[in-house]
């Protein structure tokens, strides 16, 4: 039986869009993704090259996209985001903290102490079994076991709270580090937007040192070269042109400048 979808599953559905849909644009996200992932030159040429793809995406290579089309592009092609990392729940961190061997020994010692205190009769009570109630000593053996359990609880909770807090701070910092500014052309003007707001059809301006924020195709450039060593293993920067037009996310501009059309 299927339960309620997780936050990550809901985000994935939202960010994916409609990969096979052509509700607003006559080319689907899957077609573009397959073209660039598998480097299908034939498909690229059939679509009319970069200008033909731009036309299908209703993008002006000089003026970029208009703000009015932004929501439609996200609905069809999805968002330039990935689901948030899974946050380990507090109870699980606490449970793992209790797996420490020292704490396990202390817990066992506390349980044994409590059993002896409540199950085994107090020796003093035996000796004074025939005396008055005032003469009998109050049984305090259970306090030791309870104190041990309290110490274990405090130690494990303290460590767990610290680890949970560190986890949340780390995830927040990681998200901030990924939120870089990208230079795009929209409404005929150059703008800086968050990488999370980038969408299919955007025209991105590239300069030396920039990391490509998404997959795309070459539009125009002046001796534009990319370091693709992480993707292809080639140590020499690859010059991009109308003949070498695939541009992969994560590669770095080493020389020149240019424009790319975001397709995935």
Protein backbone atom coordinates (compact mmCIF):
# COMPACT_ATOMS: atom_id res chain seq x y z
CA UNK A 1 0.00 0.00 0.00
CA UNK A 2 1.36 3.39 -0.94
CA UNK A 3 1.68 5.97 1.80
CA UNK A 4 2.04 9.70 1.63
CA UNK A 5 4.88 10.68 -0.77
CA UNK A 6 7.99 12.08 0.84
CA UNK A 7 9.02 15.71 0.51
CA UNK A 8 11.77 14.67 -1.93
CA UNK A 9 9.29 12.73 -4.10
CA UNK A 10 6.95 15.72 -4.25
CA UNK A 11 9.83 18.04 -5.13
CA UNK A 12 11.07 15.68 -7.84
CA UNK A 13 7.62 15.64 -9.43
CA UNK A 14 7.42 19.43 -9.26
CA UNK A 15 10.93 20.03 -10.61
CA UNK A 16 10.67 17.50 -13.45
CA UNK A 17 7.80 19.22 -15.26
CA UNK A 18 6.27 17.29 -18.16
CA UNK A 19 9.25 15.63 -19.94
CA UNK A 20 7.15 14.29 -22.84
CA UNK A 21 4.72 17.18 -23.03
CA UNK A 22 4.42 19.75 -25.79
CA UNK A 23 1.68 21.87 -24.21
CA UNK A 24 3.34 25.22 -24.83
CA UNK A 25 6.32 24.41 -27.08
CA UNK A 26 6.45 22.00 -30.00
CA UNK A 27 9.50 20.12 -28.71
CA UNK A 28 9.60 18.06 -25.51
CA UNK A 29 12.15 18.13 -22.73
CA UNK A 30 13.04 14.49 -23.36
CA UNK A 31 13.84 15.16 -27.02
CA UNK A 32 16.23 17.96 -26.06
CA UNK A 33 17.77 15.96 -23.22
CA UNK A 34 18.39 12.89 -25.41
CA UNK A 35 19.88 15.04 -28.15
CA UNK A 36 22.49 16.59 -25.90
CA UNK A 37 23.13 13.58 -23.66
CA UNK A 38 23.68 11.21 -26.58
CA UNK A 39 25.16 13.95 -28.82
CA UNK A 40 22.78 13.28 -31.69
CA UNK A 41 24.17 15.46 -34.45
CA UNK A 42 21.49 14.29 -36.86
CA UNK A 43 18.70 15.44 -34.54
CA UNK A 44 20.45 18.77 -34.01
CA UNK A 45 20.66 19.37 -37.76
CA UNK A 46 17.08 18.22 -38.36
CA UNK A 47 15.88 20.77 -35.82
CA UNK A 48 17.73 23.50 -37.69
CA UNK A 49 20.75 23.89 -35.42
CA UNK A 50 20.86 26.37 -32.55
CA UNK A 51 18.68 28.88 -34.38
CA UNK A 52 16.09 26.24 -35.22
CA UNK A 53 15.93 25.03 -31.61
CA UNK A 54 15.67 28.64 -30.41
CA UNK A 55 12.74 29.14 -32.75
CA UNK A 56 10.98 26.03 -31.39
CA UNK A 57 11.55 27.38 -27.88
CA UNK A 58 10.34 30.84 -28.91
CA UNK A 59 13.67 32.36 -27.90
CA UNK A 60 15.27 35.35 -29.56
CA UNK A 61 19.02 34.62 -29.58
CA UNK A 62 19.72 38.36 -29.25
CA UNK A 63 16.97 39.41 -26.82
CA UNK A 64 16.47 36.15 -24.91
CA UNK A 65 13.12 35.10 -23.48
CA UNK A 66 10.39 37.32 -22.04
CA UNK A 67 9.33 37.14 -18.41
CA UNK A 68 5.77 36.21 -19.40
CA UNK A 69 6.95 32.82 -20.69
CA UNK A 70 8.86 31.87 -17.53
CA UNK A 71 6.07 29.96 -15.77
CA UNK A 72 5.12 28.09 -18.96
CA UNK A 73 8.72 26.96 -19.47
CA UNK A 74 8.95 25.68 -15.92
CA UNK A 75 5.64 23.85 -16.25
CA UNK A 76 6.69 22.04 -19.41
CA UNK A 77 10.45 21.61 -19.00
CA UNK A 78 10.75 21.67 -15.21
CA UNK A 79 12.90 23.70 -12.85
CA UNK A 80 16.67 23.90 -12.58
CA UNK A 81 16.61 22.37 -9.13
CA UNK A 82 17.19 19.03 -7.44
CA UNK A 83 15.23 17.67 -4.46
CA UNK A 84 16.55 18.66 -1.04
CA UNK A 85 18.86 16.11 0.62
CA UNK A 86 17.10 13.79 3.05
CA UNK A 87 17.27 15.19 6.58
CA UNK A 88 18.05 12.38 9.04
CA UNK A 89 15.28 12.54 11.69
CA UNK A 90 16.24 13.37 15.27
CA UNK A 91 14.98 10.07 16.64
CA UNK A 92 17.29 8.14 14.31
CA UNK A 93 20.32 10.20 15.33
CA UNK A 94 19.42 9.61 18.99
CA UNK A 95 18.96 5.87 18.41
CA UNK A 96 22.39 5.68 16.74
CA UNK A 97 23.93 7.58 19.67
CA UNK A 98 22.56 4.93 22.02
CA UNK A 99 24.49 2.25 20.12
CA UNK A 100 27.70 3.42 21.78
CA UNK A 101 29.22 0.46 23.69
CA UNK A 102 29.86 2.49 26.84
CA UNK A 103 26.25 3.69 26.96
CA UNK A 104 24.97 0.15 26.36
CA UNK A 105 27.02 -1.11 29.34
CA UNK A 106 25.68 1.69 31.52
CA UNK A 107 22.08 0.97 30.48
CA UNK A 108 22.51 -2.72 31.32
CA UNK A 109 24.07 -1.83 34.68
CA UNK A 110 21.17 0.53 35.43
CA UNK A 111 18.56 -2.11 34.55
CA UNK A 112 20.28 -4.74 36.72
CA UNK A 113 20.47 -2.23 39.59
CA UNK A 114 16.75 -1.44 39.31
CA UNK A 115 15.83 -5.15 39.20
CA UNK A 116 17.86 -5.86 42.31
CA UNK A 117 16.31 -2.86 44.06
CA UNK A 118 12.67 -3.83 43.41
CA UNK A 119 12.76 -7.60 43.06
CA UNK A 120 15.34 -8.72 45.65
CA UNK A 121 14.16 -7.89 49.22
CA UNK A 122 16.25 -5.38 51.09
CA UNK A 123 18.57 -7.06 53.62
CA UNK A 124 17.75 -4.51 56.29
CA UNK A 125 14.01 -5.20 55.89
CA UNK A 126 14.70 -8.89 56.48
CA UNK A 127 16.48 -8.23 59.74
CA UNK A 128 13.75 -5.89 60.92
CA UNK A 129 10.86 -7.93 59.62
CA UNK A 130 9.37 -8.16 63.12
CA UNK A 131 10.01 -4.52 64.04
CA UNK A 132 7.75 -1.51 63.69
CA UNK A 133 7.37 0.38 60.44
CA UNK A 134 9.44 3.26 61.82
CA UNK A 135 12.32 0.89 62.51
CA UNK A 136 12.50 -0.30 58.93
CA UNK A 137 14.97 1.49 56.69
CA UNK A 138 13.49 3.10 53.56
CA UNK A 139 14.76 1.25 50.44
CA UNK A 140 16.85 3.67 48.33
CA UNK A 141 18.70 1.11 46.18
CA UNK A 142 16.66 2.14 43.09
CA UNK A 143 18.12 5.66 43.11
CA UNK A 144 21.48 4.45 41.80
CA UNK A 145 19.95 2.73 38.77
CA UNK A 146 17.72 5.71 38.01
CA UNK A 147 20.69 8.08 38.26
CA UNK A 148 22.63 6.00 35.73
CA UNK A 149 19.71 6.04 33.28
CA UNK A 150 19.34 9.81 33.71
CA UNK A 151 23.05 10.31 32.97
CA UNK A 152 22.77 8.17 29.82
CA UNK A 153 19.70 10.13 28.71
CA UNK A 154 21.39 13.49 29.19
CA UNK A 155 24.60 12.42 27.43
CA UNK A 156 22.86 10.83 24.43
CA UNK A 157 20.33 13.66 24.00
CA UNK A 158 23.05 16.31 24.22
CA UNK A 159 25.15 14.65 21.52
CA UNK A 160 22.09 14.03 19.33
CA UNK A 161 20.85 17.63 19.55
CA UNK A 162 24.33 18.85 18.58
CA UNK A 163 24.57 16.48 15.59
CA UNK A 164 21.05 17.33 14.38
CA UNK A 165 21.80 21.06 14.57
CA UNK A 166 25.09 20.61 12.68
CA UNK A 167 23.29 18.62 9.98
CA UNK A 168 20.72 21.38 9.40
CA UNK A 169 23.41 24.09 9.26
CA UNK A 170 25.49 22.06 6.80
CA UNK A 171 22.53 21.54 4.46
CA UNK A 172 21.68 25.25 4.63
CA UNK A 173 25.28 26.22 3.79
CA UNK A 174 25.39 23.73 0.91
CA UNK A 175 22.23 25.24 -0.55
CA UNK A 176 23.66 28.77 -0.27
CA UNK A 177 26.87 27.69 -2.02
CA UNK A 178 24.90 26.31 -4.97
CA UNK A 179 22.84 29.48 -5.33
CA UNK A 180 25.20 31.31 -7.70
CA UNK A 181 24.30 34.19 -9.99
CA UNK A 182 24.03 33.57 -13.74
CA UNK A 183 24.24 36.18 -16.50
CA UNK A 184 21.31 35.81 -18.90
CA UNK A 185 19.56 37.89 -21.53
CA UNK A 186 15.86 38.47 -20.87
CA UNK A 187 13.55 41.07 -22.35
CA UNK A 188 16.49 42.27 -24.45
CA UNK A 189 18.59 43.14 -21.39
CA UNK A 190 21.41 41.38 -19.56
CA UNK A 191 20.33 40.30 -16.09
CA UNK A 192 21.78 38.36 -13.21
CA UNK A 193 19.50 35.65 -11.87
CA UNK A 194 19.77 32.78 -9.42
CA UNK A 195 20.85 29.50 -10.98
CA UNK A 196 17.62 28.05 -9.56
CA UNK A 197 15.60 30.45 -11.76
CA UNK A 198 17.30 29.38 -14.99
CA UNK A 199 14.97 27.71 -17.48
CA UNK A 200 15.03 26.01 -20.87
CA UNK A 201 15.27 28.63 -23.61
CA UNK A 202 17.40 31.07 -21.63
CA UNK A 203 20.39 32.67 -23.37
CA UNK A 204 23.38 32.59 -21.02
CA UNK A 205 26.38 34.93 -21.37
CA UNK A 206 29.66 33.20 -20.62
CA UNK A 207 33.04 34.63 -19.63
CA UNK A 208 36.37 33.20 -18.47
CA UNK A 209 35.99 31.38 -15.15
CA UNK A 210 32.26 30.70 -15.47
CA UNK A 211 30.88 27.24 -14.79
CA UNK A 212 28.12 26.20 -17.17
CA UNK A 213 24.89 26.14 -15.12
CA UNK A 214 23.01 23.74 -17.42
CA UNK A 215 23.29 21.75 -20.64
CA UNK A 216 23.03 23.80 -23.81
CA UNK A 217 24.17 24.46 -27.34
CA UNK A 218 26.60 27.01 -28.70
CA UNK A 219 25.03 30.19 -30.11
CA UNK A 220 27.91 32.60 -30.53
CA UNK A 221 31.43 33.01 -29.21
CA UNK A 222 34.84 34.61 -29.47
CA UNK A 223 37.46 31.86 -29.13
CA UNK A 224 35.24 30.23 -26.48
CA UNK A 225 36.98 27.24 -24.91
CA UNK A 226 35.74 24.87 -22.22
CA UNK A 227 37.54 22.54 -19.83
CA UNK A 228 35.71 19.23 -20.34
CA UNK A 229 38.30 17.04 -18.63
CA UNK A 230 35.83 15.90 -15.95
CA UNK A 231 33.41 14.75 -18.67
CA UNK A 232 35.66 13.41 -21.42
CA UNK A 233 39.10 13.07 -19.84
CA UNK A 234 40.62 15.44 -22.40
CA UNK A 235 43.27 17.63 -20.80
CA UNK A 236 43.13 20.27 -23.56
CA UNK A 237 40.35 22.86 -23.46
CA UNK A 238 37.81 22.34 -26.28
CA UNK A 239 36.99 25.23 -28.58
CA UNK A 240 33.25 25.68 -29.11
CA UNK A 241 31.84 26.63 -32.48
CA UNK A 242 29.04 25.77 -34.87
CA UNK A 243 30.79 22.44 -35.45
CA UNK A 244 31.47 21.69 -31.77
CA UNK A 245 28.25 22.95 -30.27
CA UNK A 246 27.42 20.70 -27.30
CA UNK A 247 27.95 22.44 -23.98
CA UNK A 248 27.70 20.36 -20.81
CA UNK A 249 26.70 21.50 -17.36
CA UNK A 250 29.60 21.77 -14.91
CA UNK A 251 32.30 22.46 -17.49
CA UNK A 252 34.37 25.61 -17.08
CA UNK A 253 35.16 28.45 -19.48
CA UNK A 254 38.95 28.74 -19.78
CA UNK A 255 39.23 31.23 -22.66
CA UNK A 256 37.12 33.68 -24.63
CA UNK A 257 33.46 34.46 -24.18
CA UNK A 258 30.16 33.62 -25.80
CA UNK A 259 26.51 32.67 -25.54
CA UNK A 260 24.73 29.39 -25.07
CA UNK A 261 21.11 28.34 -25.39
CA UNK A 262 19.89 26.30 -22.41
CA UNK A 263 18.17 23.10 -23.56
CA UNK A 264 18.23 20.86 -20.47
